[in-house]
Amino acid sequence: MGYPKASVVIPAYNAQHTIVHAIQAALTQTYPGDIEIIVVDDGSTDRTAEIVQSFREVKYIRQDNAGPAAARNKGASVGSGQFIFFTDSDCIPHRNWIDKMMKCFTDDNIGVVCGSYGIANQQSILARAIHREILYRHHFLMPRFPKAFGSYNFCVRRQVFVETGGFDETYRRASGEDNDLSYKILKKGFRIYFAKDALVDHYHPTGTGKYLKEQFRHGFWRAKMYRDHPDMAGGDDYTFWKDMAEVPLALASCAGLFFTILYPWFFKFLFFLIIIPFILFEVAFAFVMLRAIYVSFYFGGVMFLRSFARTCGLSTGILVFFVKNFPKKR
């Protein structure tokens, strides 16, 4: 019996600085079966097209900018592999990535195998801290059969992908579309297997401002995800009680700031009863994950700001997707 063919789909948008590494890693896999690599250019305006087209082994597809969900669906539709692998243009799969994932499809009921992260930019303090937090969640929270996977590193049986309709293309930005697909696959009766040692190195954010902007976006699209899948609003195996607690804490802090405008004396109560405990709460968690006191104070502060970015995004998303009743499907 031969090895099943694997299709590797990589969506790319203005990825000239990282796409070459993603392609080279996909071309040097140890998997003995046939591999086809498909890069879908989502309307890039930089040198992405030129770089991708320099690799003759890679199938290059260009589309008008429609978002990563649409790009992944396009790549999957032109591929011919029985198994579809997805990674991102800023990820570098390890050489045994495909091989490790394929070996986990030991049961016909396993529809998806997902993996974890390595880090491609260890020189950045913020990138290292973000990476350590992700590893904490992956290694201490996520079970062998989780409820959700990330689009940066997973493989799905083609028949399962087709049966569930693929990614919801109304997610125009990279956030929430992978959870949405995860939940649809679970509802079809398939399981998701988490292979912790199937890795892709990722370029994590290095700037605090950019990172907080991304977190606002995550919060915004999470509102749509909860609207479409209200049964998952209680969290999945990646999101846990700390993430849930941050929302009321951030809202309480914002409400307190409003009261200080009317009653300046209230600032002392806000500062000592909410703000300081909130910051210490984040620093303590940072230390649990990082085990480095100075970095914990730094990343604790980042997580404190992140909680406001996520909450603002979620609140905006609720207004758009619930109050304004943004359409569920295109």
C-alpha atoms as a PDB file:
ATOM      1  CA  MET A   1       0.000   0.000   0.000  1.00  0.00           C
ATOM      2  CA  GLY A   2       1.444   3.381  -1.041  1.00  0.00           C
ATOM      3  CA  TYR A   3       1.632   6.586   0.926  1.00  0.00           C
ATOM      4  CA  PRO A   4      -1.313   8.999   0.550  1.00  0.00           C
ATOM      5  CA  LYS A   5      -0.645  12.203  -1.337  1.00  0.00           C
ATOM      6  CA  ALA A   6      -0.375  15.359   0.766  1.00  0.00           C
ATOM      7  CA  SER A   7      -1.381  18.859  -0.370  1.00  0.00           C
ATOM      8  CA  VAL A   8       0.276  21.726   1.520  1.00  0.00           C
ATOM      9  CA  VAL A   9      -1.683  24.991   1.313  1.00  0.00           C
ATOM     10  CA  ILE A  10       0.004  28.265   2.286  1.00  0.00           C
ATOM     11  CA  PRO A  11      -2.010  31.520   2.102  1.00  0.00           C
ATOM     12  CA  ALA A  12       0.179  34.578   1.640  1.00  0.00           C
ATOM     13  CA  TYR A  13      -0.365  38.304   1.784  1.00  0.00           C
ATOM     14  CA  ASN A  14       2.626  40.667   1.516  1.00  0.00           C
ATOM     15  CA  ALA A  15       4.845  37.888   2.822  1.00  0.00           C
ATOM     16  CA  GLN A  16       8.087  38.698   0.999  1.00  0.00           C
ATOM     17  CA  HIS A  17      10.172  38.521   4.184  1.00  0.00           C
ATOM     18  CA  THR A  18       9.097  35.042   5.320  1.00  0.00           C
ATOM     19  CA  ILE A  19       7.488  33.083   2.466  1.00  0.00           C
ATOM     20  CA  VAL A  20      10.793  31.747   1.128  1.00  0.00           C
ATOM     21  CA  HIS A  21      11.487  30.007   4.439  1.00  0.00           C
ATOM     22  CA  ALA A  22       8.005  28.456   4.520  1.00  0.00           C
ATOM     23  CA  ILE A  23       8.389  27.095   0.982  1.00  0.00           C
ATOM     24  CA  GLN A  24      11.892  25.753   1.501  1.00  0.00           C
ATOM     25  CA  ALA A  25      10.751  23.927   4.635  1.00  0.00           C
ATOM     26  CA  ALA A  26       7.773  22.429   2.797  1.00  0.00           C
ATOM     27  CA  LEU A  27      10.068  21.256  -0.018  1.00  0.00           C
ATOM     28  CA  THR A  28      12.448  19.406   2.303  1.00  0.00           C
ATOM     29  CA  GLN A  29      10.004  17.199   4.188  1.00  0.00           C
ATOM     30  CA  THR A  30      10.994  13.652   5.153  1.00  0.00           C
ATOM     31  CA  TYR A  31       7.578  12.253   4.215  1.00  0.00           C
ATOM     32  CA  PRO A  32       8.128   9.542   1.547  1.00  0.00           C
ATOM     33  CA  GLY A  33       4.816  10.073  -0.271  1.00  0.00           C
ATOM     34  CA  ASP A  34       3.934  12.635  -2.926  1.00  0.00           C
ATOM     35  CA  ILE A  35       3.676  16.245  -1.743  1.00  0.00           C
ATOM     36  CA  GLU A  36       2.233  19.169  -3.671  1.00  0.00           C
ATOM     37  CA  ILE A  37       2.762  22.709  -2.425  1.00  0.00           C
ATOM     38  CA  ILE A  38       0.175  25.362  -3.217  1.00  0.00           C
ATOM     39  CA  VAL A  39       0.697  29.030  -2.379  1.00  0.00           C
ATOM     40  CA  VAL A  40      -2.354  31.269  -2.703  1.00  0.00           C
ATOM     41  CA  ASP A  41      -1.388  34.924  -3.051  1.00  0.00           C
ATOM     42  CA  ASP A  42      -4.215  36.946  -1.499  1.00  0.00           C
ATOM     43  CA  GLY A  43      -3.627  40.078  -3.557  1.00  0.00           C
ATOM     44  CA  SER A  44      -0.113  40.922  -2.348  1.00  0.00           C
ATOM     45  CA  THR A  45       1.452  44.214  -3.425  1.00  0.00           C
ATOM     46  CA  ASP A  46       5.059  43.386  -2.519  1.00  0.00           C
ATOM     47  CA  ARG A  47       7.496  40.804  -3.998  1.00  0.00           C
ATOM     48  CA  THR A  48       5.534  37.763  -2.803  1.00  0.00           C
ATOM     49  CA  ALA A  49       4.514  36.710  -6.335  1.00  0.00           C
ATOM     50  CA  GLU A  50       8.046  37.004  -7.695  1.00  0.00           C
ATOM     51  CA  ILE A  51       9.505  34.958  -4.860  1.00  0.00           C
ATOM     52  CA  VAL A  52       6.927  32.184  -5.016  1.00  0.00           C
ATOM     53  CA  GLN A  53       7.116  31.886  -8.800  1.00  0.00           C
ATOM     54  CA  SER A  54      10.889  31.373  -8.578  1.00  0.00           C
ATOM     55  CA  PHE A  55      10.133  27.906  -7.139  1.00  0.00           C
ATOM     56  CA  ARG A  56       9.140  25.732 -10.082  1.00  0.00           C
ATOM     57  CA  GLU A  57       7.940  22.943  -7.781  1.00  0.00           C
ATOM     58  CA  VAL A  58       5.298  25.205  -6.228  1.00  0.00           C
ATOM     59  CA  LYS A  59       1.823  25.802  -7.646  1.00  0.00           C
ATOM     60  CA  TYR A  60       1.167  29.550  -7.493  1.00  0.00           C
ATOM     61  CA  ILE A  61      -2.382  30.942  -7.455  1.00  0.00           C
ATOM     62  CA  ARG A  62      -3.319  34.600  -7.199  1.00  0.00           C
ATOM     63  CA  GLN A  63      -6.676  36.024  -6.134  1.00  0.00           C
ATOM     64  CA  ASP A  64      -8.018  39.459  -5.322  1.00  0.00           C
ATOM     65  CA  ASN A  65      -7.679  40.190  -1.637  1.00  0.00           C
ATOM     66  CA  ALA A  66     -10.437  38.256   0.129  1.00  0.00           C
ATOM     67  CA  GLY A  67      -8.803  37.123   3.373  1.00  0.00           C
ATOM     68  CA  PRO A  68      -6.926  34.011   4.497  1.00  0.00           C
ATOM     69  CA  ALA A  69     -10.065  31.879   4.866  1.00  0.00           C
ATOM     70  CA  ALA A  70     -10.901  32.361   1.192  1.00  0.00           C
ATOM     71  CA  ALA A  71      -7.262  31.793   0.212  1.00  0.00           C
ATOM     72  CA  ARG A  72      -7.145  28.493   2.068  1.00  0.00           C
ATOM     73  CA  ASN A  73     -10.380  27.335   0.465  1.00  0.00           C
ATOM     74  CA  LYS A  74      -8.997  28.222  -2.967  1.00  0.00           C
ATOM     75  CA  GLY A  75      -5.816  26.267  -2.320  1.00  0.00           C
ATOM     76  CA  ALA A  76      -7.720  23.243  -1.065  1.00  0.00           C
ATOM     77  CA  SER A  77     -10.009  23.303  -4.096  1.00  0.00           C
ATOM     78  CA  VAL A  78      -7.138  23.003  -6.587  1.00  0.00           C
ATOM     79  CA  GLY A  79      -5.153  20.445  -4.611  1.00  0.00           C
ATOM     80  CA  SER A  80      -5.406  16.739  -5.291  1.00  0.00           C
ATOM     81  CA  GLY A  81      -4.032  15.223  -2.090  1.00  0.00           C
ATOM     82  CA  GLN A  82      -6.123  12.959   0.105  1.00  0.00           C
ATOM     83  CA  PHE A  83      -4.866  14.947   3.075  1.00  0.00           C
ATOM     84  CA  ILE A  84      -4.650  18.747   3.144  1.00  0.00           C
ATOM     85  CA  PHE A  85      -1.985  20.418   5.272  1.00  0.00           C
ATOM     86  CA  PHE A  86      -2.312  24.073   6.223  1.00  0.00           C
ATOM     87  CA  THR A  87       0.379  26.389   7.496  1.00  0.00           C
ATOM     88  CA  ASP A  88       1.011  30.120   7.212  1.00  0.00           C
ATOM     89  CA  SER A  89       3.482  32.194   5.242  1.00  0.00           C
ATOM     90  CA  ASP A  90       5.247  33.248   8.453  1.00  0.00           C
ATOM     91  CA  CYS A  91       5.713  29.663   9.650  1.00  0.00           C
ATOM     92  CA  ILE A  92       8.576  27.236   9.017  1.00  0.00           C
ATOM     93  CA  PRO A  93       7.518  23.570   9.258  1.00  0.00           C
ATOM     94  CA  HIS A  94      10.032  21.166  10.768  1.00  0.00           C
ATOM     95  CA  ARG A  95      11.366  18.567   8.328  1.00  0.00           C
ATOM     96  CA  ASN A  96       9.330  15.752   9.917  1.00  0.00           C
ATOM     97  CA  TRP A  97       6.138  17.829  10.091  1.00  0.00           C
ATOM     98  CA  ILE A  98       4.102  15.951   7.482  1.00  0.00           C
ATOM     99  CA  ASP A  99       5.477  12.569   8.529  1.00  0.00           C
ATOM    100  CA  LYS A 100       4.531  13.075  12.195  1.00  0.00           C
ATOM    101  CA  MET A 101       1.037  14.314  11.356  1.00  0.00           C
ATOM    102  CA  MET A 102       0.262  11.484   8.930  1.00  0.00           C
ATOM    103  CA  LYS A 103       1.204   8.862  11.498  1.00  0.00           C
ATOM    104  CA  CYS A 104      -1.487  10.195  13.839  1.00  0.00           C
ATOM    105  CA  PHE A 105      -4.380   9.303  11.528  1.00  0.00           C
ATOM    106  CA  THR A 106      -4.744   5.920  13.199  1.00  0.00           C
ATOM    107  CA  ASP A 107      -8.534   5.973  13.284  1.00  0.00           C
ATOM    108  CA  ASP A 108     -11.042   6.823  10.549  1.00  0.00           C
ATOM    109  CA  ASN A 109     -12.861   8.935  13.128  1.00  0.00           C
ATOM    110  CA  ILE A 110      -9.883  11.283  13.411  1.00  0.00           C
ATOM    111  CA  GLY A 111     -10.721  14.007  10.935  1.00  0.00           C
ATOM    112  CA  VAL A 112      -7.950  16.447  11.851  1.00  0.00           C
ATOM    113  CA  VAL A 113      -4.455  16.315  13.298  1.00  0.00           C
ATOM    114  CA  CYS A 114      -3.097  19.606  14.613  1.00  0.00           C
ATOM    115  CA  GLY A 115       0.337  20.535  15.915  1.00  0.00           C
ATOM    116  CA  SER A 116       2.140  23.106  18.002  1.00  0.00           C
ATOM    117  CA  TYR A 117       4.593  25.979  17.652  1.00  0.00           C
ATOM    118  CA  GLY A 118       8.323  26.417  17.626  1.00  0.00           C
ATOM    119  CA  ILE A 119       9.774  29.932  17.512  1.00  0.00           C
ATOM    120  CA  ALA A 120      11.566  31.535  14.575  1.00  0.00           C
ATOM    121  CA  ASN A 121      12.578  34.853  16.177  1.00  0.00           C
ATOM    122  CA  GLN A 122      14.006  34.082  19.592  1.00  0.00           C
ATOM    123  CA  GLN A 123      15.960  37.341  19.627  1.00  0.00           C
ATOM    124  CA  SER A 124      12.789  39.252  20.583  1.00  0.00           C
ATOM    125  CA  ILE A 125      11.804  39.356  24.265  1.00  0.00           C
ATOM    126  CA  LEU A 126       8.133  39.803  23.403  1.00  0.00           C
ATOM    127  CA  ALA A 127       8.225  36.944  20.884  1.00  0.00           C
ATOM    128  CA  ARG A 128       9.824  34.633  23.470  1.00  0.00           C
ATOM    129  CA  ALA A 129       7.243  35.560  26.094  1.00  0.00           C
ATOM    130  CA  ILE A 130       4.331  35.010  23.697  1.00  0.00           C
ATOM    131  CA  HIS A 131       5.822  31.670  22.690  1.00  0.00           C
ATOM    132  CA  ARG A 132       6.191  30.523  26.288  1.00  0.00           C
ATOM    133  CA  GLU A 133       2.559  31.404  26.992  1.00  0.00           C
ATOM    134  CA  ILE A 134       1.424  29.382  23.971  1.00  0.00           C
ATOM    135  CA  LEU A 135       3.520  26.404  25.097  1.00  0.00           C
ATOM    136  CA  TYR A 136       1.989  26.664  28.571  1.00  0.00           C
ATOM    137  CA  ARG A 137      -1.483  26.465  27.078  1.00  0.00           C
ATOM    138  CA  HIS A 138      -0.553  23.651  24.703  1.00  0.00           C
ATOM    139  CA  HIS A 139       1.288  21.483  27.193  1.00  0.00           C
ATOM    140  CA  PHE A 140      -0.750  22.054  30.349  1.00  0.00           C
ATOM    141  CA  LEU A 141      -4.262  22.801  29.100  1.00  0.00           C
ATOM    142  CA  MET A 142      -4.905  21.109  25.769  1.00  0.00           C
ATOM    143  CA  PRO A 143      -5.874  17.421  25.883  1.00  0.00           C
ATOM    144  CA  ARG A 144      -5.010  14.809  23.290  1.00  0.00           C
ATOM    145  CA  PHE A 145      -8.382  15.378  21.625  1.00  0.00           C
ATOM    146  CA  PRO A 146      -9.070  19.138  21.864  1.00  0.00           C
ATOM    147  CA  LYS A 147     -12.114  21.107  20.750  1.00  0.00           C
ATOM    148  CA  ALA A 148     -10.223  23.430  18.430  1.00  0.00           C
ATOM    149  CA  PHE A 149      -7.096  23.785  16.303  1.00  0.00           C
ATOM    150  CA  GLY A 150      -5.124  26.668  14.814  1.00  0.00           C
ATOM    151  CA  SER A 151      -4.961  27.252  11.069  1.00  0.00           C
ATOM    152  CA  TYR A 152      -1.173  27.737  11.250  1.00  0.00           C
ATOM    153  CA  ASN A 153      -0.571  23.989  11.729  1.00  0.00           C
ATOM    154  CA  PHE A 154      -3.104  21.289  10.959  1.00  0.00           C
ATOM    155  CA  CYS A 155      -3.951  18.523   8.523  1.00  0.00           C
ATOM    156  CA  VAL A 156      -7.474  17.489   7.555  1.00  0.00           C
ATOM    157  CA  ARG A 157      -8.835  14.641   5.505  1.00  0.00           C
ATOM    158  CA  ARG A 158     -10.050  16.071   2.215  1.00  0.00           C
ATOM    159  CA  GLN A 159     -13.437  14.393   2.532  1.00  0.00           C
ATOM    160  CA  VAL A 160     -13.923  15.953   5.972  1.00  0.00           C
ATOM    161  CA  PHE A 161     -12.938  19.399   4.718  1.00  0.00           C
ATOM    162  CA  VAL A 162     -15.369  19.144   1.801  1.00  0.00           C
ATOM    163  CA  GLU A 163     -18.171  17.723   3.936  1.00  0.00           C
ATOM    164  CA  THR A 164     -17.969  20.608   6.407  1.00  0.00           C
ATOM    165  CA  GLY A 165     -17.756  23.279   3.704  1.00  0.00           C
ATOM    166  CA  GLY A 166     -14.238  24.446   4.524  1.00  0.00           C
ATOM    167  CA  PHE A 167     -13.485  27.832   6.060  1.00  0.00           C
ATOM    168  CA  ASP A 168     -16.189  30.449   6.487  1.00  0.00           C
ATOM    169  CA  GLU A 169     -15.059  33.207   4.128  1.00  0.00           C
ATOM    170  CA  THR A 170     -16.988  35.927   5.952  1.00  0.00           C
ATOM    171  CA  TYR A 171     -14.027  35.926   8.362  1.00  0.00           C
ATOM    172  CA  ARG A 172     -12.071  38.489   6.362  1.00  0.00           C
ATOM    173  CA  ARG A 173      -9.114  38.615   8.735  1.00  0.00           C
ATOM    174  CA  ALA A 174      -7.007  35.905  10.329  1.00  0.00           C
ATOM    175  CA  SER A 175      -8.968  35.285  13.510  1.00  0.00           C
ATOM    176  CA  GLY A 176     -11.756  32.887  14.443  1.00  0.00           C
ATOM    177  CA  GLU A 177     -12.075  31.073  11.130  1.00  0.00           C
ATOM    178  CA  ASP A 178     -10.069  28.108  12.439  1.00  0.00           C
ATOM    179  CA  ASN A 179     -12.207  27.760  15.566  1.00  0.00           C
ATOM    180  CA  ASP A 180     -15.315  27.949  13.407  1.00  0.00           C
ATOM    181  CA  LEU A 181     -14.070  25.103  11.201  1.00  0.00           C
ATOM    182  CA  SER A 182     -13.049  23.113  14.284  1.00  0.00           C
ATOM    183  CA  TYR A 183     -16.538  23.290  15.737  1.00  0.00           C
ATOM    184  CA  LYS A 184     -18.156  22.327  12.421  1.00  0.00           C
ATOM    185  CA  ILE A 185     -15.904  19.278  12.189  1.00  0.00           C
ATOM    186  CA  LEU A 186     -16.721  18.221  15.753  1.00  0.00           C
ATOM    187  CA  LYS A 187     -20.440  18.580  15.067  1.00  0.00           C
ATOM    188  CA  LYS A 188     -20.046  16.185  12.125  1.00  0.00           C
ATOM    189  CA  GLY A 189     -18.840  13.543  14.567  1.00  0.00           C
ATOM    190  CA  PHE A 190     -15.107  13.649  13.792  1.00  0.00           C
ATOM    191  CA  ARG A 191     -12.323  14.059  16.342  1.00  0.00           C
ATOM    192  CA  ILE A 192      -9.317  16.382  16.442  1.00  0.00           C
ATOM    193  CA  TYR A 193      -5.985  14.868  17.500  1.00  0.00           C
ATOM    194  CA  PHE A 194      -3.312  17.117  19.024  1.00  0.00           C
ATOM    195  CA  ALA A 195       0.237  16.073  18.076  1.00  0.00           C
ATOM    196  CA  LYS A 196       2.382  18.219  20.378  1.00  0.00           C
ATOM    197  CA  ASP A 197       5.615  17.267  18.633  1.00  0.00           C
ATOM    198  CA  ALA A 198       4.468  18.184  15.088  1.00  0.00           C
ATOM    199  CA  LEU A 199       5.943  21.679  14.935  1.00  0.00           C
ATOM    200  CA  VAL A 200       6.157  24.761  12.788  1.00  0.00           C
ATOM    201  CA  ASP A 201       8.416  27.616  13.866  1.00  0.00           C
ATOM    202  CA  HIS A 202       6.550  30.912  13.883  1.00  0.00           C
ATOM    203  CA  TYR A 203       7.568  34.553  13.701  1.00  0.00           C
ATOM    204  CA  HIS A 204       5.721  35.877  16.744  1.00  0.00           C
ATOM    205  CA  PRO A 205       4.999  39.621  17.086  1.00  0.00           C
ATOM    206  CA  THR A 206       7.939  41.738  18.204  1.00  0.00           C
ATOM    207  CA  GLY A 207       6.188  45.090  18.703  1.00  0.00           C
ATOM    208  CA  THR A 208       3.732  45.715  21.539  1.00  0.00           C
ATOM    209  CA  GLY A 209       1.526  48.027  19.469  1.00  0.00           C
ATOM    210  CA  LYS A 210       1.157  45.545  16.629  1.00  0.00           C
ATOM    211  CA  TYR A 211       0.498  42.730  19.095  1.00  0.00           C
ATOM    212  CA  LEU A 212      -2.271  44.665  20.860  1.00  0.00           C
ATOM    213  CA  LYS A 213      -3.833  45.514  17.506  1.00  0.00           C
ATOM    214  CA  GLU A 214      -3.897  41.800  16.659  1.00  0.00           C
ATOM    215  CA  GLN A 215      -5.519  41.040  20.006  1.00  0.00           C
ATOM    216  CA  PHE A 216      -8.222  43.631  19.346  1.00  0.00           C
ATOM    217  CA  ARG A 217      -8.918  41.818  16.069  1.00  0.00           C
ATOM    218  CA  HIS A 218      -9.088  38.454  17.856  1.00  0.00           C
ATOM    219  CA  GLY A 219     -11.630  39.833  20.298  1.00  0.00           C
ATOM    220  CA  PHE A 220     -13.674  41.378  17.487  1.00  0.00           C
ATOM    221  CA  TRP A 221     -14.018  38.176  15.449  1.00  0.00           C
ATOM    222  CA  ARG A 222     -14.559  36.071  18.549  1.00  0.00           C
ATOM    223  CA  ALA A 223     -17.944  37.817  18.857  1.00  0.00           C
ATOM    224  CA  LYS A 224     -18.980  36.413  15.472  1.00  0.00           C
ATOM    225  CA  MET A 225     -17.683  32.993  16.455  1.00  0.00           C
ATOM    226  CA  TYR A 226     -19.770  33.010  19.654  1.00  0.00           C
ATOM    227  CA  ARG A 227     -22.824  34.154  17.705  1.00  0.00           C
ATOM    228  CA  ASP A 228     -22.457  31.292  15.235  1.00  0.00           C
ATOM    229  CA  HIS A 229     -21.523  28.741  17.921  1.00  0.00           C
ATOM    230  CA  PRO A 230     -23.145  29.871  21.196  1.00  0.00           C
ATOM    231  CA  ASP A 231     -22.515  26.462  22.754  1.00  0.00           C
ATOM    232  CA  MET A 232     -18.762  27.210  22.669  1.00  0.00           C
ATOM    233  CA  ALA A 233     -19.014  30.570  24.448  1.00  0.00           C
ATOM    234  CA  GLY A 234     -17.874  28.895  27.668  1.00  0.00           C
ATOM    235  CA  GLY A 235     -14.384  28.454  26.224  1.00  0.00           C
ATOM    236  CA  ASP A 236     -12.417  25.736  24.515  1.00  0.00           C
ATOM    237  CA  ASP A 237      -9.279  23.846  25.488  1.00  0.00           C
ATOM    238  CA  TYR A 238      -6.994  26.761  24.579  1.00  0.00           C
ATOM    239  CA  THR A 239      -9.041  29.521  26.202  1.00  0.00           C
ATOM    240  CA  PHE A 240      -9.426  29.020  29.956  1.00  0.00           C
ATOM    241  CA  TRP A 241     -10.845  30.746  33.010  1.00  0.00           C
ATOM    242  CA  LYS A 242      -8.133  33.451  33.116  1.00  0.00           C
ATOM    243  CA  ASP A 243      -9.189  34.697  29.680  1.00  0.00           C
ATOM    244  CA  MET A 244     -12.799  34.798  30.820  1.00  0.00           C
ATOM    245  CA  ALA A 245     -11.944  36.643  34.044  1.00  0.00           C
ATOM    246  CA  GLU A 246     -10.049  39.376  32.204  1.00  0.00           C
ATOM    247  CA  VAL A 247     -13.177  40.632  30.446  1.00  0.00           C
ATOM    248  CA  PRO A 248     -15.144  41.703  33.574  1.00  0.00           C
ATOM    249  CA  LEU A 249     -11.927  43.013  35.144  1.00  0.00           C
ATOM    250  CA  ALA A 250     -11.242  45.191  32.107  1.00  0.00           C
ATOM    251  CA  LEU A 251     -14.861  46.358  31.990  1.00  0.00           C
ATOM    252  CA  ALA A 252     -14.793  47.170  35.704  1.00  0.00           C
ATOM    253  CA  SER A 253     -11.596  49.166  35.219  1.00  0.00           C
ATOM    254  CA  CYS A 254     -13.141  51.145  32.356  1.00  0.00           C
ATOM    255  CA  ALA A 255     -16.297  51.785  34.374  1.00  0.00           C
ATOM    256  CA  GLY A 256     -14.141  52.952  37.269  1.00  0.00           C
ATOM    257  CA  LEU A 257     -12.325  55.428  35.043  1.00  0.00           C
ATOM    258  CA  PHE A 258     -15.695  56.850  34.027  1.00  0.00           C
ATOM    259  CA  PHE A 259     -16.620  57.366  37.676  1.00  0.00           C
ATOM    260  CA  THR A 260     -13.321  59.141  38.361  1.00  0.00           C
ATOM    261  CA  ILE A 261     -14.342  61.783  35.810  1.00  0.00           C
ATOM    262  CA  LEU A 262     -17.469  62.495  37.844  1.00  0.00           C
ATOM    263  CA  TYR A 263     -15.924  61.837  41.264  1.00  0.00           C
ATOM    264  CA  PRO A 264     -12.116  62.367  41.272  1.00  0.00           C
ATOM    265  CA  TRP A 265     -11.801  60.956  44.791  1.00  0.00           C
ATOM    266  CA  PHE A 266     -12.901  57.552  43.413  1.00  0.00           C
ATOM    267  CA  PHE A 267      -9.522  57.157  41.688  1.00  0.00           C
ATOM    268  CA  LYS A 268      -7.882  55.866  44.894  1.00  0.00           C
ATOM    269  CA  PHE A 269     -10.432  53.085  45.229  1.00  0.00           C
ATOM    270  CA  LEU A 270     -10.112  52.207  41.545  1.00  0.00           C
ATOM    271  CA  PHE A 271      -6.326  52.134  41.699  1.00  0.00           C
ATOM    272  CA  PHE A 272      -5.926  50.052  44.855  1.00  0.00           C
ATOM    273  CA  LEU A 273      -9.001  47.805  44.589  1.00  0.00           C
ATOM    274  CA  ILE A 274      -8.990  47.006  40.863  1.00  0.00           C
ATOM    275  CA  ILE A 275      -5.964  48.240  38.886  1.00  0.00           C
ATOM    276  CA  ILE A 276      -3.138  47.107  41.188  1.00  0.00           C
ATOM    277  CA  PRO A 277      -4.679  43.651  41.920  1.00  0.00           C
ATOM    278  CA  PHE A 278      -5.378  43.252  38.185  1.00  0.00           C
ATOM    279  CA  ILE A 279      -1.743  43.976  37.275  1.00  0.00           C
ATOM    280  CA  LEU A 280      -0.414  41.676  40.009  1.00  0.00           C
ATOM    281  CA  PHE A 281      -2.786  38.975  38.793  1.00  0.00           C
ATOM    282  CA  GLU A 282      -1.226  39.214  35.322  1.00  0.00           C
ATOM    283  CA  VAL A 283       2.345  39.340  36.640  1.00  0.00           C
ATOM    284  CA  ALA A 284       1.745  36.247  38.771  1.00  0.00           C
ATOM    285  CA  PHE A 285       0.470  34.316  35.772  1.00  0.00           C
ATOM    286  CA  ALA A 286       3.376  35.547  33.688  1.00  0.00           C
ATOM    287  CA  PHE A 287       5.780  34.182  36.302  1.00  0.00           C
ATOM    288  CA  VAL A 288       4.014  30.810  36.330  1.00  0.00           C
ATOM    289  CA  MET A 289       4.498  30.581  32.571  1.00  0.00           C
ATOM    290  CA  LEU A 290       7.919  32.232  32.173  1.00  0.00           C
ATOM    291  CA  ARG A 291       9.719  31.513  35.457  1.00  0.00           C
ATOM    292  CA  ALA A 292      11.739  34.713  35.083  1.00  0.00           C
ATOM    293  CA  ILE A 293      10.925  37.553  37.438  1.00  0.00           C
ATOM    294  CA  TYR A 294      11.987  40.557  35.316  1.00  0.00           C
ATOM    295  CA  VAL A 295      10.405  39.285  32.118  1.00  0.00           C
ATOM    296  CA  SER A 296       7.286  38.412  34.123  1.00  0.00           C
ATOM    297  CA  PHE A 297       6.799  42.047  35.145  1.00  0.00           C
ATOM    298  CA  TYR A 298       7.229  43.109  31.520  1.00  0.00           C
ATOM    299  CA  PHE A 299       4.918  40.482  30.018  1.00  0.00           C
ATOM    300  CA  GLY A 300       2.456  40.863  32.892  1.00  0.00           C
ATOM    301  CA  GLY A 301       2.101  44.494  31.836  1.00  0.00           C
ATOM    302  CA  VAL A 302       1.623  43.438  28.225  1.00  0.00           C
ATOM    303  CA  MET A 303      -1.090  40.958  29.232  1.00  0.00           C
ATOM    304  CA  PHE A 304      -2.748  43.685  31.313  1.00  0.00           C
ATOM    305  CA  LEU A 305      -2.947  45.926  28.237  1.00  0.00           C
ATOM    306  CA  ARG A 306      -3.936  42.930  26.112  1.00  0.00           C
ATOM    307  CA  SER A 307      -6.991  42.312  28.255  1.00  0.00           C
ATOM    308  CA  PHE A 308      -8.279  45.799  27.378  1.00  0.00           C
ATOM    309  CA  ALA A 309      -7.506  45.321  23.681  1.00  0.00           C
ATOM    310  CA  ARG A 310      -9.375  42.011  23.598  1.00  0.00           C
ATOM    311  CA  THR A 311     -12.312  43.383  25.591  1.00  0.00           C
ATOM    312  CA  CYS A 312     -12.605  46.440  23.343  1.00  0.00           C
ATOM    313  CA  GLY A 313     -12.495  44.172  20.296  1.00  0.00           C
ATOM    314  CA  LEU A 314     -15.105  41.845  21.756  1.00  0.00           C
ATOM    315  CA  SER A 315     -17.381  44.758  22.681  1.00  0.00           C
ATOM    316  CA  THR A 316     -17.075  46.201  19.173  1.00  0.00           C
ATOM    317  CA  GLY A 317     -17.749  42.773  17.700  1.00  0.00           C
ATOM    318  CA  ILE A 318     -20.889  42.382  19.798  1.00  0.00           C
ATOM    319  CA  LEU A 319     -22.189  45.679  18.417  1.00  0.00           C
ATOM    320  CA  VAL A 320     -21.440  44.606  14.828  1.00  0.00           C
ATOM    321  CA  PHE A 321     -22.475  40.955  14.892  1.00  0.00           C
ATOM    322  CA  PHE A 322     -25.306  41.004  17.420  1.00  0.00           C
ATOM    323  CA  VAL A 323     -26.776  44.501  17.511  1.00  0.00           C
ATOM    324  CA  LYS A 324     -26.330  45.353  13.820  1.00  0.00           C
ATOM    325  CA  ASN A 325     -26.976  41.702  12.907  1.00  0.00           C
ATOM    326  CA  PHE A 326     -24.066  41.305  10.503  1.00  0.00           C
ATOM    327  CA  PRO A 327     -24.989  38.478   8.075  1.00  0.00           C
ATOM    328  CA  LYS A 328     -23.818  34.993   8.966  1.00  0.00           C
ATOM    329  CA  LYS A 329     -22.909  34.016   5.444  1.00  0.00           C
ATOM    330  CA  ARG A 330     -21.751  35.822   2.353  1.00  0.00           C
END
